[in-house]
Amino acid sequence: MLLIGANFASAASGYYNATAILYNTISLSQQLENYREYKNKLVDITGKSNASSRISRGIHLISAGSSDFLQNYYINPLLFATNTPDTFSDILLNSYDHFIQNLYELGARRIGVATLPPLGCLPAAITAFGHGNNHCVARLNNNAISFNNKLRHRSQRLTRRLSKLKLVVLDIYNPLYTLITKPAENGFAEVRRACCGTGLLETSILCNQHSIGTCSNASQYVFWDGFHPTEAANQILADKLFKSGSSLIQP
């Protein structure tokens, strides 16, 4: 598998290392160390020149930040009291900036980074922060939009600073928001409730073959659990992301 690709991501981790500590997952800094170890193993298998070529031509995909907001910042009284959404975004983006530079130093040249999704429209977010209504939580979406704008700006700065870097921001916000606000036009029947369990909050280990209430027709749902789209929704999103990130596969 080392010659084909590898996944270093860890669910419920994020740009903010404290988020990973909170949920006992692999932090971004540790993921980077795992990547460094992967590179060393690749050198042992293929030689230094071939390993460097594979890494520089390989496509690196990054998706983080949602857990930092939804599973840490918004529910952490201390963090919420000492940081505005704007200042917390800056903390995350400084971590992102450092991470990209480290990847670049390790030989990565083609990187795609996903924006935050419409955080306020995720079933778990509406349940937790919607104050009893079934509509997207505007303030959460506004925070995501602000973060995404900063992410684009920071990515442009990185591209200017790192001359051989091809860094593409992959917009997940707008395609998913379209599925959520226009489900029928995209072949979906349910958007507020997820397929798993009650469809209002569950995720991770609470979603399994024994979860009571899990739907039998997941392809009709935009969300599989409280945070993640279904396979049917992901297929639509992946097609759009592939088109927007097509420059990453060009010579």
C-alpha atoms as a PDB file:
ATOM      1  CA  MET A   1       0.000   0.000   0.000  1.00  0.00           C
ATOM      2  CA  LEU A   2       2.904   2.386   0.553  1.00  0.00           C
ATOM      3  CA  LEU A   3       3.501   2.465  -3.201  1.00  0.00           C
ATOM      4  CA  ILE A   4      -0.134   3.296  -3.950  1.00  0.00           C
ATOM      5  CA  GLY A   5      -1.056   5.719  -1.190  1.00  0.00           C
ATOM      6  CA  ALA A   6      -1.715   6.079   2.507  1.00  0.00           C
ATOM      7  CA  ASN A   7      -4.235   7.676   4.846  1.00  0.00           C
ATOM      8  CA  PHE A   8      -2.962   9.544   7.885  1.00  0.00           C
ATOM      9  CA  ALA A   9      -6.240  11.156   8.938  1.00  0.00           C
ATOM     10  CA  SER A  10      -7.866  10.531  12.301  1.00  0.00           C
ATOM     11  CA  ALA A  11     -11.575  11.082  12.959  1.00  0.00           C
ATOM     12  CA  ALA A  12     -12.399  13.936  15.379  1.00  0.00           C
ATOM     13  CA  SER A  13      -8.915  15.398  14.993  1.00  0.00           C
ATOM     14  CA  GLY A  14      -8.349  18.865  13.577  1.00  0.00           C
ATOM     15  CA  TYR A  15      -5.975  21.760  13.077  1.00  0.00           C
ATOM     16  CA  TYR A  16      -6.044  22.382  16.837  1.00  0.00           C
ATOM     17  CA  ASN A  17      -4.034  19.716  18.653  1.00  0.00           C
ATOM     18  CA  ALA A  18      -6.159  20.063  21.786  1.00  0.00           C
ATOM     19  CA  THR A  19      -9.154  18.762  19.846  1.00  0.00           C
ATOM     20  CA  ALA A  20      -7.329  15.495  19.190  1.00  0.00           C
ATOM     21  CA  ILE A  21      -6.323  15.246  22.847  1.00  0.00           C
ATOM     22  CA  LEU A  22      -9.932  15.792  23.892  1.00  0.00           C
ATOM     23  CA  TYR A  23     -11.122  12.834  21.810  1.00  0.00           C
ATOM     24  CA  ASN A  24      -8.019  10.654  22.115  1.00  0.00           C
ATOM     25  CA  THR A  25      -7.324  10.731  18.393  1.00  0.00           C
ATOM     26  CA  ILE A  26      -4.171  11.304  16.358  1.00  0.00           C
ATOM     27  CA  SER A  27      -3.202  14.978  16.338  1.00  0.00           C
ATOM     28  CA  LEU A  28      -2.159  16.840  13.214  1.00  0.00           C
ATOM     29  CA  SER A  29       1.428  17.072  14.479  1.00  0.00           C
ATOM     30  CA  GLN A  30       1.520  13.304  15.028  1.00  0.00           C
ATOM     31  CA  GLN A  31       0.000  12.721  11.599  1.00  0.00           C
ATOM     32  CA  LEU A  32       2.917  14.708  10.200  1.00  0.00           C
ATOM     33  CA  GLU A  33       5.374  12.489  12.069  1.00  0.00           C
ATOM     34  CA  ASN A  34       3.594   9.424  10.704  1.00  0.00           C
ATOM     35  CA  TYR A  35       3.950  10.892   7.235  1.00  0.00           C
ATOM     36  CA  ARG A  36       7.660  11.454   7.833  1.00  0.00           C
ATOM     37  CA  GLU A  37       7.984   7.801   8.861  1.00  0.00           C
ATOM     38  CA  TYR A  38       6.083   6.797   5.711  1.00  0.00           C
ATOM     39  CA  LYS A  39       8.549   8.744   3.586  1.00  0.00           C
ATOM     40  CA  ASN A  40      11.504   7.002   5.233  1.00  0.00           C
ATOM     41  CA  LYS A  41       9.934   3.596   4.574  1.00  0.00           C
ATOM     42  CA  LEU A  42       9.297   4.605   0.977  1.00  0.00           C
ATOM     43  CA  VAL A  43      12.976   5.514   0.592  1.00  0.00           C
ATOM     44  CA  ASP A  44      13.923   2.083   1.925  1.00  0.00           C
ATOM     45  CA  ILE A  45      11.642   0.382  -0.596  1.00  0.00           C
ATOM     46  CA  THR A  46      12.222   2.432  -3.743  1.00  0.00           C
ATOM     47  CA  GLY A  47      15.376   4.490  -3.139  1.00  0.00           C
ATOM     48  CA  LYS A  48      15.652   8.185  -2.363  1.00  0.00           C
ATOM     49  CA  SER A  49      15.186   9.466  -5.920  1.00  0.00           C
ATOM     50  CA  ASN A  50      12.094   7.368  -6.658  1.00  0.00           C
ATOM     51  CA  ALA A  51      10.594   8.174  -3.267  1.00  0.00           C
ATOM     52  CA  SER A  52      11.056  11.916  -3.795  1.00  0.00           C
ATOM     53  CA  SER A  53       9.483  11.650  -7.237  1.00  0.00           C
ATOM     54  CA  ARG A  54       6.449   9.747  -5.935  1.00  0.00           C
ATOM     55  CA  ILE A  55       5.888  12.247  -3.139  1.00  0.00           C
ATOM     56  CA  SER A  56       6.282  15.328  -5.328  1.00  0.00           C
ATOM     57  CA  ARG A  57       3.910  13.912  -7.967  1.00  0.00           C
ATOM     58  CA  GLY A  58       1.466  12.546  -5.407  1.00  0.00           C
ATOM     59  CA  ILE A  59      -1.744  14.358  -4.513  1.00  0.00           C
ATOM     60  CA  HIS A  60      -2.121  15.243  -0.839  1.00  0.00           C
ATOM     61  CA  LEU A  61      -5.642  15.930   0.452  1.00  0.00           C
ATOM     62  CA  ILE A  62      -6.434  17.705   3.722  1.00  0.00           C
ATOM     63  CA  SER A  63      -9.810  18.078   5.395  1.00  0.00           C
ATOM     64  CA  ALA A  64      -9.986  19.484   8.927  1.00  0.00           C
ATOM     65  CA  GLY A  65     -11.561  22.156  11.091  1.00  0.00           C
ATOM     66  CA  SER A  66     -15.146  20.955  11.577  1.00  0.00           C
ATOM     67  CA  SER A  67     -14.314  19.035  14.748  1.00  0.00           C
ATOM     68  CA  ASP A  68     -12.335  21.997  16.053  1.00  0.00           C
ATOM     69  CA  PHE A  69     -15.489  24.112  15.957  1.00  0.00           C
ATOM     70  CA  LEU A  70     -18.340  21.672  16.584  1.00  0.00           C
ATOM     71  CA  GLN A  71     -16.689  19.266  19.000  1.00  0.00           C
ATOM     72  CA  ASN A  72     -14.447  21.689  20.828  1.00  0.00           C
ATOM     73  CA  TYR A  73     -14.852  25.459  20.446  1.00  0.00           C
ATOM     74  CA  TYR A  74     -18.662  25.680  20.619  1.00  0.00           C
ATOM     75  CA  ILE A  75     -18.933  23.307  23.581  1.00  0.00           C
ATOM     76  CA  ASN A  76     -15.770  24.288  25.477  1.00  0.00           C
ATOM     77  CA  PRO A  77     -16.655  27.106  27.920  1.00  0.00           C
ATOM     78  CA  LEU A  78     -13.036  28.088  28.510  1.00  0.00           C
ATOM     79  CA  LEU A  79     -12.122  28.178  24.830  1.00  0.00           C
ATOM     80  CA  PHE A  80     -15.366  29.967  23.929  1.00  0.00           C
ATOM     81  CA  ALA A  81     -14.880  32.569  26.647  1.00  0.00           C
ATOM     82  CA  THR A  82     -11.310  33.441  25.685  1.00  0.00           C
ATOM     83  CA  ASN A  83     -11.653  33.449  21.883  1.00  0.00           C
ATOM     84  CA  THR A  84     -14.081  34.871  19.369  1.00  0.00           C
ATOM     85  CA  PRO A  85     -14.841  32.723  16.307  1.00  0.00           C
ATOM     86  CA  ASP A  86     -12.546  35.088  14.407  1.00  0.00           C
ATOM     87  CA  THR A  87      -9.564  34.685  16.730  1.00  0.00           C
ATOM     88  CA  PHE A  88     -10.111  30.926  16.969  1.00  0.00           C
ATOM     89  CA  SER A  89     -10.073  30.770  13.162  1.00  0.00           C
ATOM     90  CA  ASP A  90      -6.720  32.515  13.209  1.00  0.00           C
ATOM     91  CA  ILE A  91      -5.350  29.899  15.609  1.00  0.00           C
ATOM     92  CA  LEU A  92      -6.508  27.124  13.277  1.00  0.00           C
ATOM     93  CA  LEU A  93      -5.093  28.831  10.210  1.00  0.00           C
ATOM     94  CA  ASN A  94      -1.712  29.363  11.835  1.00  0.00           C
ATOM     95  CA  SER A  95      -1.632  25.619  12.450  1.00  0.00           C
ATOM     96  CA  TYR A  96      -2.673  25.015   8.827  1.00  0.00           C
ATOM     97  CA  ASP A  97       0.065  27.346   7.584  1.00  0.00           C
ATOM     98  CA  HIS A  98       2.708  25.531   9.646  1.00  0.00           C
ATOM     99  CA  PHE A  99       1.419  22.130   8.496  1.00  0.00           C
ATOM    100  CA  ILE A 100       1.577  23.036   4.801  1.00  0.00           C
ATOM    101  CA  GLN A 101       5.117  24.360   5.171  1.00  0.00           C
ATOM    102  CA  ASN A 102       6.187  21.126   6.872  1.00  0.00           C
ATOM    103  CA  LEU A 103       4.577  19.027   4.149  1.00  0.00           C
ATOM    104  CA  TYR A 104       6.361  21.123   1.558  1.00  0.00           C
ATOM    105  CA  GLU A 105       9.694  20.618   3.305  1.00  0.00           C
ATOM    106  CA  LEU A 106       9.061  16.869   3.176  1.00  0.00           C
ATOM    107  CA  GLY A 107       8.599  17.059  -0.589  1.00  0.00           C
ATOM    108  CA  ALA A 108       4.839  17.515  -1.093  1.00  0.00           C
ATOM    109  CA  ARG A 109       4.063  19.762  -4.051  1.00  0.00           C
ATOM    110  CA  ARG A 110       0.412  19.044  -4.954  1.00  0.00           C
ATOM    111  CA  ILE A 111      -1.995  19.712  -2.113  1.00  0.00           C
ATOM    112  CA  GLY A 112      -5.759  20.071  -2.023  1.00  0.00           C
ATOM    113  CA  VAL A 113      -7.423  21.437   1.109  1.00  0.00           C
ATOM    114  CA  ALA A 114     -11.176  21.260   1.716  1.00  0.00           C
ATOM    115  CA  THR A 115     -13.093  24.208   3.101  1.00  0.00           C
ATOM    116  CA  LEU A 116     -15.372  23.857   6.083  1.00  0.00           C
ATOM    117  CA  PRO A 117     -18.855  22.590   5.209  1.00  0.00           C
ATOM    118  CA  PRO A 118     -21.988  24.561   6.190  1.00  0.00           C
ATOM    119  CA  LEU A 119     -21.507  23.734   9.870  1.00  0.00           C
ATOM    120  CA  GLY A 120     -24.884  25.084  10.898  1.00  0.00           C
ATOM    121  CA  CYS A 121     -26.747  22.703   8.596  1.00  0.00           C
ATOM    122  CA  LEU A 122     -25.334  19.435   9.932  1.00  0.00           C
ATOM    123  CA  PRO A 123     -28.062  17.472  11.766  1.00  0.00           C
ATOM    124  CA  ALA A 124     -26.044  17.299  14.998  1.00  0.00           C
ATOM    125  CA  ALA A 125     -25.365  21.044  14.891  1.00  0.00           C
ATOM    126  CA  ILE A 126     -29.046  21.899  14.421  1.00  0.00           C
ATOM    127  CA  THR A 127     -29.932  19.576  17.300  1.00  0.00           C
ATOM    128  CA  ALA A 128     -27.281  21.015  19.617  1.00  0.00           C
ATOM    129  CA  PHE A 129     -27.343  24.699  18.681  1.00  0.00           C
ATOM    130  CA  GLY A 130     -30.650  25.272  16.858  1.00  0.00           C
ATOM    131  CA  HIS A 131     -32.707  26.075  19.971  1.00  0.00           C
ATOM    132  CA  GLY A 132     -35.472  23.689  18.967  1.00  0.00           C
ATOM    133  CA  ASN A 133     -35.991  24.705  15.342  1.00  0.00           C
ATOM    134  CA  ASN A 134     -35.176  22.633  12.280  1.00  0.00           C
ATOM    135  CA  HIS A 135     -33.364  25.292  10.287  1.00  0.00           C
ATOM    136  CA  CYS A 136     -29.650  25.752   9.635  1.00  0.00           C
ATOM    137  CA  VAL A 137     -27.942  27.730  12.399  1.00  0.00           C
ATOM    138  CA  ALA A 138     -26.923  30.952  10.690  1.00  0.00           C
ATOM    139  CA  ARG A 139     -24.138  31.986  13.064  1.00  0.00           C
ATOM    140  CA  LEU A 140     -22.361  28.652  12.605  1.00  0.00           C
ATOM    141  CA  ASN A 141     -22.603  28.941   8.825  1.00  0.00           C
ATOM    142  CA  ASN A 142     -21.325  32.518   8.980  1.00  0.00           C
ATOM    143  CA  ASN A 143     -18.338  31.351  11.012  1.00  0.00           C
ATOM    144  CA  ALA A 144     -17.627  28.686   8.409  1.00  0.00           C
ATOM    145  CA  ILE A 145     -17.846  31.195   5.570  1.00  0.00           C
ATOM    146  CA  SER A 146     -15.464  33.549   7.388  1.00  0.00           C
ATOM    147  CA  PHE A 147     -13.003  30.729   8.010  1.00  0.00           C
ATOM    148  CA  ASN A 148     -13.183  29.624   4.383  1.00  0.00           C
ATOM    149  CA  ASN A 149     -12.429  33.119   3.137  1.00  0.00           C
ATOM    150  CA  LYS A 150      -9.401  33.257   5.402  1.00  0.00           C
ATOM    151  CA  LEU A 151      -8.355  29.789   4.241  1.00  0.00           C
ATOM    152  CA  ARG A 152      -8.324  30.951   0.625  1.00  0.00           C
ATOM    153  CA  HIS A 153      -6.323  34.044   1.501  1.00  0.00           C
ATOM    154  CA  ARG A 154      -3.799  32.094   3.569  1.00  0.00           C
ATOM    155  CA  SER A 155      -3.464  29.495   0.790  1.00  0.00           C
ATOM    156  CA  GLN A 156      -2.706  32.220  -1.751  1.00  0.00           C
ATOM    157  CA  ARG A 157       0.022  33.557   0.527  1.00  0.00           C
ATOM    158  CA  LEU A 158       1.523  30.086   0.872  1.00  0.00           C
ATOM    159  CA  THR A 159       1.518  29.617  -2.892  1.00  0.00           C
ATOM    160  CA  ARG A 160       3.354  32.891  -3.384  1.00  0.00           C
ATOM    161  CA  ARG A 161       5.891  32.024  -0.694  1.00  0.00           C
ATOM    162  CA  LEU A 162       6.543  28.411  -1.724  1.00  0.00           C
ATOM    163  CA  SER A 163       7.422  28.672  -5.395  1.00  0.00           C
ATOM    164  CA  LYS A 164       6.894  25.029  -6.423  1.00  0.00           C
ATOM    165  CA  LEU A 165       3.710  24.495  -4.440  1.00  0.00           C
ATOM    166  CA  LYS A 166       0.431  23.803  -6.217  1.00  0.00           C
ATOM    167  CA  LEU A 167      -2.190  24.373  -3.512  1.00  0.00           C
ATOM    168  CA  VAL A 168      -5.880  24.202  -4.408  1.00  0.00           C
ATOM    169  CA  VAL A 169      -8.738  25.092  -2.063  1.00  0.00           C
ATOM    170  CA  LEU A 170     -11.589  22.624  -2.614  1.00  0.00           C
ATOM    171  CA  ASP A 171     -14.993  24.162  -1.924  1.00  0.00           C
ATOM    172  CA  ILE A 172     -17.191  21.733   0.004  1.00  0.00           C
ATOM    173  CA  TYR A 173     -19.417  24.436   1.504  1.00  0.00           C
ATOM    174  CA  ASN A 174     -21.456  25.458  -1.528  1.00  0.00           C
ATOM    175  CA  PRO A 175     -22.050  22.006  -3.101  1.00  0.00           C
ATOM    176  CA  LEU A 176     -23.212  20.561   0.230  1.00  0.00           C
ATOM    177  CA  TYR A 177     -25.328  23.627   0.994  1.00  0.00           C
ATOM    178  CA  THR A 178     -27.044  23.143  -2.352  1.00  0.00           C
ATOM    179  CA  LEU A 179     -27.861  19.509  -1.528  1.00  0.00           C
ATOM    180  CA  ILE A 180     -29.230  20.599   1.842  1.00  0.00           C
ATOM    181  CA  THR A 181     -31.369  23.473   0.550  1.00  0.00           C
ATOM    182  CA  LYS A 182     -32.494  21.760  -2.666  1.00  0.00           C
ATOM    183  CA  PRO A 183     -32.625  18.056  -1.802  1.00  0.00           C
ATOM    184  CA  ALA A 184     -35.433  17.047  -4.176  1.00  0.00           C
ATOM    185  CA  GLU A 185     -33.635  18.573  -7.156  1.00  0.00           C
ATOM    186  CA  ASN A 186     -30.703  16.297  -6.382  1.00  0.00           C
ATOM    187  CA  GLY A 187     -32.667  13.108  -5.745  1.00  0.00           C
ATOM    188  CA  PHE A 188     -32.905  13.227  -1.946  1.00  0.00           C
ATOM    189  CA  ALA A 189     -35.964  13.047   0.286  1.00  0.00           C
ATOM    190  CA  GLU A 190     -34.563  13.754   3.762  1.00  0.00           C
ATOM    191  CA  VAL A 191     -32.076  16.374   4.885  1.00  0.00           C
ATOM    192  CA  ARG A 192     -32.872  17.281   8.520  1.00  0.00           C
ATOM    193  CA  ARG A 193     -32.592  13.763   9.907  1.00  0.00           C
ATOM    194  CA  ALA A 194     -29.649  11.499   9.186  1.00  0.00           C
ATOM    195  CA  CYS A 195     -30.034   7.829   8.316  1.00  0.00           C
ATOM    196  CA  CYS A 196     -28.366   6.425  11.433  1.00  0.00           C
ATOM    197  CA  GLY A 197     -30.377   5.941  14.622  1.00  0.00           C
ATOM    198  CA  THR A 198     -32.573   8.893  15.529  1.00  0.00           C
ATOM    199  CA  GLY A 199     -30.797  10.892  12.823  1.00  0.00           C
ATOM    200  CA  LEU A 200     -30.436  13.880  15.122  1.00  0.00           C
ATOM    201  CA  LEU A 201     -27.099  13.499  16.876  1.00  0.00           C
ATOM    202  CA  GLU A 202     -25.446  10.070  16.564  1.00  0.00           C
ATOM    203  CA  THR A 203     -22.056   9.500  14.993  1.00  0.00           C
ATOM    204  CA  SER A 204     -19.018   7.232  15.324  1.00  0.00           C
ATOM    205  CA  ILE A 205     -19.570   4.152  17.542  1.00  0.00           C
ATOM    206  CA  LEU A 206     -23.227   5.085  18.011  1.00  0.00           C
ATOM    207  CA  CYS A 207     -23.751   4.289  14.332  1.00  0.00           C
ATOM    208  CA  ASN A 208     -23.504   0.561  13.686  1.00  0.00           C
ATOM    209  CA  GLN A 209     -25.570  -2.440  12.627  1.00  0.00           C
ATOM    210  CA  HIS A 210     -27.311  -2.464  16.007  1.00  0.00           C
ATOM    211  CA  SER A 211     -28.344   1.214  16.045  1.00  0.00           C
ATOM    212  CA  ILE A 212     -32.094   1.338  16.582  1.00  0.00           C
ATOM    213  CA  GLY A 213     -34.018   3.330  13.990  1.00  0.00           C
ATOM    214  CA  THR A 214     -31.391   3.321  11.240  1.00  0.00           C
ATOM    215  CA  CYS A 215     -33.029   3.801   7.849  1.00  0.00           C
ATOM    216  CA  SER A 216     -33.167   1.130   5.156  1.00  0.00           C
ATOM    217  CA  ASN A 217     -32.824   3.548   2.238  1.00  0.00           C
ATOM    218  CA  ALA A 218     -29.699   5.619   2.911  1.00  0.00           C
ATOM    219  CA  SER A 219     -29.514   6.808  -0.707  1.00  0.00           C
ATOM    220  CA  GLN A 220     -32.562   9.000  -0.011  1.00  0.00           C
ATOM    221  CA  TYR A 221     -30.756  10.803   2.801  1.00  0.00           C
ATOM    222  CA  VAL A 222     -28.201  13.598   2.474  1.00  0.00           C
ATOM    223  CA  PHE A 223     -26.622  12.615   5.817  1.00  0.00           C
ATOM    224  CA  TRP A 224     -25.576   9.209   7.082  1.00  0.00           C
ATOM    225  CA  ASP A 225     -25.034  10.383  10.663  1.00  0.00           C
ATOM    226  CA  GLY A 226     -25.118  13.657  12.561  1.00  0.00           C
ATOM    227  CA  PHE A 227     -21.993  14.971  10.833  1.00  0.00           C
ATOM    228  CA  HIS A 228     -21.247  13.035   7.640  1.00  0.00           C
ATOM    229  CA  PRO A 229     -23.004  12.810   4.247  1.00  0.00           C
ATOM    230  CA  THR A 230     -24.192   9.479   2.876  1.00  0.00           C
ATOM    231  CA  GLU A 231     -22.400   7.625   0.111  1.00  0.00           C
ATOM    232  CA  ALA A 232     -24.970   8.961  -2.388  1.00  0.00           C
ATOM    233  CA  ALA A 233     -24.352  12.552  -1.320  1.00  0.00           C
ATOM    234  CA  ASN A 234     -20.587  12.041  -1.206  1.00  0.00           C
ATOM    235  CA  GLN A 235     -20.627  10.796  -4.787  1.00  0.00           C
ATOM    236  CA  ILE A 236     -22.138  14.089  -5.949  1.00  0.00           C
ATOM    237  CA  LEU A 237     -19.732  16.085  -3.798  1.00  0.00           C
ATOM    238  CA  ALA A 238     -16.722  14.067  -4.975  1.00  0.00           C
ATOM    239  CA  ASP A 239     -17.586  14.694  -8.627  1.00  0.00           C
ATOM    240  CA  LYS A 240     -17.700  18.442  -8.001  1.00  0.00           C
ATOM    241  CA  LEU A 241     -14.490  18.429  -5.972  1.00  0.00           C
ATOM    242  CA  PHE A 242     -12.720  16.418  -8.657  1.00  0.00           C
ATOM    243  CA  LYS A 243     -13.605  19.047 -11.235  1.00  0.00           C
ATOM    244  CA  SER A 244     -12.551  21.948  -9.009  1.00  0.00           C
ATOM    245  CA  GLY A 245      -9.284  20.213  -8.157  1.00  0.00           C
ATOM    246  CA  SER A 246      -8.455  19.025 -11.676  1.00  0.00           C
ATOM    247  CA  SER A 247      -5.369  21.232 -11.805  1.00  0.00           C
ATOM    248  CA  LEU A 248      -3.749  18.974  -9.176  1.00  0.00           C
ATOM    249  CA  ILE A 249      -3.535  16.089 -11.640  1.00  0.00           C
ATOM    250  CA  GLN A 250      -2.180  18.147 -14.496  1.00  0.00           C
ATOM    251  CA  PRO A 251       1.568  17.906 -15.211  1.00  0.00           C
END
